[in-house]
Amino acid sequence: MKVKMLGWRNVSFTDERTGESVKGVNLFYSFPMIGGECDGQEAEKKFVRDGSITLPDIKVGEMYEMGFNSKGRLLAMAVVK
């Protein structure tokens, strides 16, 4: 899916259930609405845990191709040229 990067935020917290330290990044992006009678962009946030995938150098306003599995987990991300 092609998306426009709106922003990102580093995240660090302790999982309350396990006590494990969790680090990663929240990605904020938009993409065209799909299906039905709609017009405009839809926006989403996706958490990516450190070490789960290799992210490109993220720049606000640039276009990226994002690949997800059937559960919505981000598997790959690349700059659209």
N, C-alpha and C. Protein backbone atom coordinates (compact mmCIF):
# COMPACT_ATOMS: atom_id res chain seq x y z
N MET A 1 0.85 -1.16 0.00
CA MET A 1 0.00 0.00 0.00
C MET A 1 0.90 1.24 0.00
N LYS A 2 0.61 2.20 -0.87
CA LYS A 2 1.35 3.45 -0.92
C LYS A 2 0.75 4.42 0.10
N VAL A 3 1.65 5.02 0.91
CA VAL A 3 1.20 5.93 1.96
C VAL A 3 2.06 7.19 1.95
N LYS A 4 1.50 8.26 2.50
CA LYS A 4 2.25 9.50 2.70
C LYS A 4 2.55 9.61 4.19
N MET A 5 3.83 9.79 4.52
CA MET A 5 4.23 9.85 5.92
C MET A 5 3.87 11.22 6.50
N LEU A 6 3.08 11.20 7.58
CA LEU A 6 2.66 12.42 8.24
C LEU A 6 3.55 12.76 9.43
N GLY A 7 4.13 11.73 10.04
CA GLY A 7 5.00 11.96 11.19
C GLY A 7 5.38 10.66 11.86
N TRP A 8 6.23 10.76 12.88
CA TRP A 8 6.66 9.60 13.63
C TRP A 8 7.01 10.03 15.05
N ARG A 9 6.99 9.06 15.97
CA ARG A 9 7.33 9.35 17.36
C ARG A 9 8.02 8.12 17.97
N ASN A 10 9.19 8.33 18.58
CA ASN A 10 9.84 7.25 19.31
C ASN A 10 9.02 6.93 20.55
N VAL A 11 8.94 5.63 20.88
CA VAL A 11 8.13 5.17 22.00
C VAL A 11 8.98 4.25 22.87
N SER A 12 8.85 4.41 24.18
CA SER A 12 9.54 3.55 25.14
C SER A 12 8.64 3.41 26.36
N PHE A 13 8.32 2.17 26.73
CA PHE A 13 7.46 1.94 27.89
C PHE A 13 7.73 0.56 28.47
N THR A 14 7.18 0.31 29.65
CA THR A 14 7.30 -1.00 30.29
C THR A 14 5.94 -1.69 30.19
N ASP A 15 5.93 -2.90 29.65
CA ASP A 15 4.70 -3.69 29.55
C ASP A 15 4.22 -4.01 30.96
N GLU A 16 2.99 -3.60 31.29
CA GLU A 16 2.46 -3.78 32.64
C GLU A 16 2.27 -5.25 33.01
N ARG A 17 1.97 -6.09 32.03
CA ARG A 17 1.75 -7.52 32.31
C ARG A 17 3.05 -8.27 32.56
N THR A 18 4.07 -7.99 31.74
CA THR A 18 5.31 -8.77 31.80
C THR A 18 6.47 -8.05 32.46
N GLY A 19 6.38 -6.72 32.58
CA GLY A 19 7.49 -5.94 33.13
C GLY A 19 8.60 -5.71 32.11
N GLU A 20 8.39 -6.18 30.88
CA GLU A 20 9.39 -6.07 29.81
C GLU A 20 9.46 -4.63 29.29
N SER A 21 10.68 -4.16 29.02
CA SER A 21 10.89 -2.86 28.42
C SER A 21 10.64 -2.98 26.92
N VAL A 22 9.79 -2.10 26.39
CA VAL A 22 9.43 -2.12 24.97
C VAL A 22 9.83 -0.79 24.34
N LYS A 23 10.54 -0.88 23.21
CA LYS A 23 10.95 0.32 22.48
C LYS A 23 10.55 0.15 21.01
N GLY A 24 10.25 1.27 20.39
CA GLY A 24 9.89 1.25 18.98
C GLY A 24 9.54 2.64 18.50
N VAL A 25 8.75 2.67 17.43
CA VAL A 25 8.35 3.95 16.84
C VAL A 25 6.89 3.86 16.39
N ASN A 26 6.14 4.93 16.63
CA ASN A 26 4.80 5.05 16.07
C ASN A 26 4.92 5.80 14.75
N LEU A 27 4.37 5.22 13.69
CA LEU A 27 4.35 5.85 12.37
C LEU A 27 2.94 6.38 12.13
N PHE A 28 2.83 7.61 11.68
CA PHE A 28 1.55 8.23 11.35
C PHE A 28 1.55 8.49 9.84
N TYR A 29 0.56 7.95 9.14
CA TYR A 29 0.55 8.04 7.68
C TYR A 29 -0.88 8.14 7.16
N SER A 30 -1.00 8.58 5.90
CA SER A 30 -2.32 8.67 5.26
C SER A 30 -2.28 7.97 3.91
N PHE A 31 -3.47 7.62 3.43
CA PHE A 31 -3.62 6.94 2.14
C PHE A 31 -5.03 7.20 1.64
N PRO A 32 -5.27 7.07 0.32
CA PRO A 32 -6.60 7.33 -0.22
C PRO A 32 -7.64 6.37 0.35
N MET A 33 -8.83 6.91 0.64
CA MET A 33 -9.94 6.07 1.10
C MET A 33 -10.32 5.10 -0.02
N ILE A 34 -10.72 3.89 0.35
CA ILE A 34 -11.04 2.86 -0.63
C ILE A 34 -12.48 2.41 -0.47
N GLY A 35 -13.18 2.28 -1.59
CA GLY A 35 -14.52 1.69 -1.61
C GLY A 35 -15.64 2.63 -1.20
N GLY A 36 -16.83 2.28 -1.64
CA GLY A 36 -18.03 3.03 -1.28
C GLY A 36 -18.01 4.45 -1.80
N GLU A 37 -18.85 5.24 -1.21
CA GLU A 37 -18.93 6.65 -1.58
C GLU A 37 -18.07 7.45 -0.62
N CYS A 38 -16.80 7.58 -0.94
CA CYS A 38 -15.88 8.31 -0.07
C CYS A 38 -14.93 9.14 -0.92
N ASP A 39 -14.38 10.16 -0.31
CA ASP A 39 -13.45 11.04 -1.00
C ASP A 39 -12.44 11.54 0.02
N GLY A 40 -11.19 11.54 -0.35
CA GLY A 40 -10.17 12.08 0.54
C GLY A 40 -9.18 11.05 1.02
N GLN A 41 -8.56 11.36 2.14
CA GLN A 41 -7.51 10.54 2.72
C GLN A 41 -7.96 9.95 4.05
N GLU A 42 -7.47 8.76 4.34
CA GLU A 42 -7.68 8.12 5.63
C GLU A 42 -6.32 8.13 6.34
N ALA A 43 -6.31 8.26 7.66
CA ALA A 43 -5.06 8.30 8.41
C ALA A 43 -5.02 7.17 9.43
N GLU A 44 -3.81 6.63 9.64
CA GLU A 44 -3.62 5.55 10.60
C GLU A 44 -2.31 5.75 11.35
N LYS A 45 -2.21 5.03 12.47
CA LYS A 45 -0.98 4.96 13.26
C LYS A 45 -0.60 3.50 13.36
N LYS A 46 0.70 3.21 13.21
CA LYS A 46 1.18 1.83 13.33
C LYS A 46 2.42 1.83 14.22
N PHE A 47 2.42 0.96 15.25
CA PHE A 47 3.59 0.80 16.12
C PHE A 47 4.51 -0.24 15.51
N VAL A 48 5.80 0.08 15.43
CA VAL A 48 6.81 -0.84 14.93
C VAL A 48 7.85 -1.02 16.03
N ARG A 49 7.94 -2.22 16.54
CA ARG A 49 8.88 -2.53 17.62
C ARG A 49 10.31 -2.55 17.08
N ASP A 50 11.25 -2.01 17.88
CA ASP A 50 12.67 -2.03 17.49
C ASP A 50 13.09 -3.45 17.17
N GLY A 51 13.80 -3.61 16.05
CA GLY A 51 14.34 -4.90 15.66
C GLY A 51 13.38 -5.80 14.90
N SER A 52 12.11 -5.41 14.79
CA SER A 52 11.14 -6.28 14.08
C SER A 52 11.33 -6.22 12.57
N ILE A 53 11.60 -5.03 12.03
CA ILE A 53 11.92 -4.86 10.61
C ILE A 53 12.93 -3.73 10.48
N THR A 54 13.57 -3.63 9.33
CA THR A 54 14.48 -2.53 9.05
C THR A 54 13.68 -1.42 8.38
N LEU A 55 13.61 -0.28 9.04
CA LEU A 55 12.89 0.87 8.48
C LEU A 55 13.85 1.74 7.68
N PRO A 56 13.35 2.34 6.58
CA PRO A 56 14.19 3.30 5.85
C PRO A 56 14.31 4.59 6.66
N ASP A 57 15.14 5.52 6.21
CA ASP A 57 15.23 6.84 6.84
C ASP A 57 13.90 7.53 6.60
N ILE A 58 13.13 7.75 7.65
CA ILE A 58 11.76 8.28 7.52
C ILE A 58 11.79 9.79 7.42
N LYS A 59 11.13 10.31 6.38
CA LYS A 59 11.02 11.75 6.17
C LYS A 59 9.55 12.12 6.02
N VAL A 60 9.12 13.09 6.80
CA VAL A 60 7.74 13.56 6.74
C VAL A 60 7.45 14.12 5.36
N GLY A 61 6.29 13.75 4.81
CA GLY A 61 5.86 14.24 3.50
C GLY A 61 6.23 13.33 2.35
N GLU A 62 7.14 12.35 2.58
CA GLU A 62 7.54 11.44 1.50
C GLU A 62 6.56 10.28 1.39
N MET A 63 6.60 9.65 0.21
CA MET A 63 5.75 8.50 -0.07
C MET A 63 6.53 7.21 0.19
N TYR A 64 5.82 6.23 0.76
CA TYR A 64 6.42 4.93 1.08
C TYR A 64 5.48 3.82 0.63
N GLU A 65 6.06 2.67 0.33
CA GLU A 65 5.30 1.45 0.05
C GLU A 65 5.39 0.62 1.33
N MET A 66 4.22 0.25 1.88
CA MET A 66 4.19 -0.55 3.10
C MET A 66 3.52 -1.89 2.81
N GLY A 67 4.11 -2.96 3.30
CA GLY A 67 3.55 -4.29 3.14
C GLY A 67 3.15 -4.86 4.50
N PHE A 68 1.95 -5.41 4.59
CA PHE A 68 1.40 -5.92 5.84
C PHE A 68 1.05 -7.40 5.71
N ASN A 69 1.03 -8.12 6.84
CA ASN A 69 0.53 -9.49 6.82
C ASN A 69 -0.99 -9.46 7.02
N SER A 70 -1.63 -10.63 7.08
CA SER A 70 -3.09 -10.69 7.19
C SER A 70 -3.62 -10.14 8.51
N LYS A 71 -2.75 -10.00 9.51
CA LYS A 71 -3.17 -9.45 10.81
C LYS A 71 -2.86 -7.96 10.93
N GLY A 72 -2.34 -7.35 9.86
CA GLY A 72 -2.04 -5.92 9.86
C GLY A 72 -0.67 -5.56 10.38
N ARG A 73 0.18 -6.55 10.61
CA ARG A 73 1.53 -6.27 11.09
C ARG A 73 2.40 -5.82 9.92
N LEU A 74 3.16 -4.74 10.12
CA LEU A 74 4.03 -4.22 9.08
C LEU A 74 5.19 -5.18 8.86
N LEU A 75 5.36 -5.63 7.60
CA LEU A 75 6.41 -6.57 7.26
C LEU A 75 7.56 -5.91 6.51
N ALA A 76 7.25 -4.88 5.74
CA ALA A 76 8.28 -4.22 4.93
C ALA A 76 7.86 -2.78 4.63
N MET A 77 8.87 -1.93 4.44
CA MET A 77 8.60 -0.53 4.12
C MET A 77 9.76 -0.01 3.28
N ALA A 78 9.43 0.68 2.18
CA ALA A 78 10.46 1.22 1.29
C ALA A 78 10.00 2.57 0.74
N VAL A 79 10.96 3.41 0.41
CA VAL A 79 10.69 4.71 -0.19
C VAL A 79 10.17 4.49 -1.61
N VAL A 80 9.13 5.23 -1.99
CA VAL A 80 8.61 5.19 -3.36
C VAL A 80 9.39 6.22 -4.16
N LYS A 81 10.00 5.78 -5.25
CA LYS A 81 10.80 6.72 -6.07
C LYS A 81 10.07 7.06 -7.34
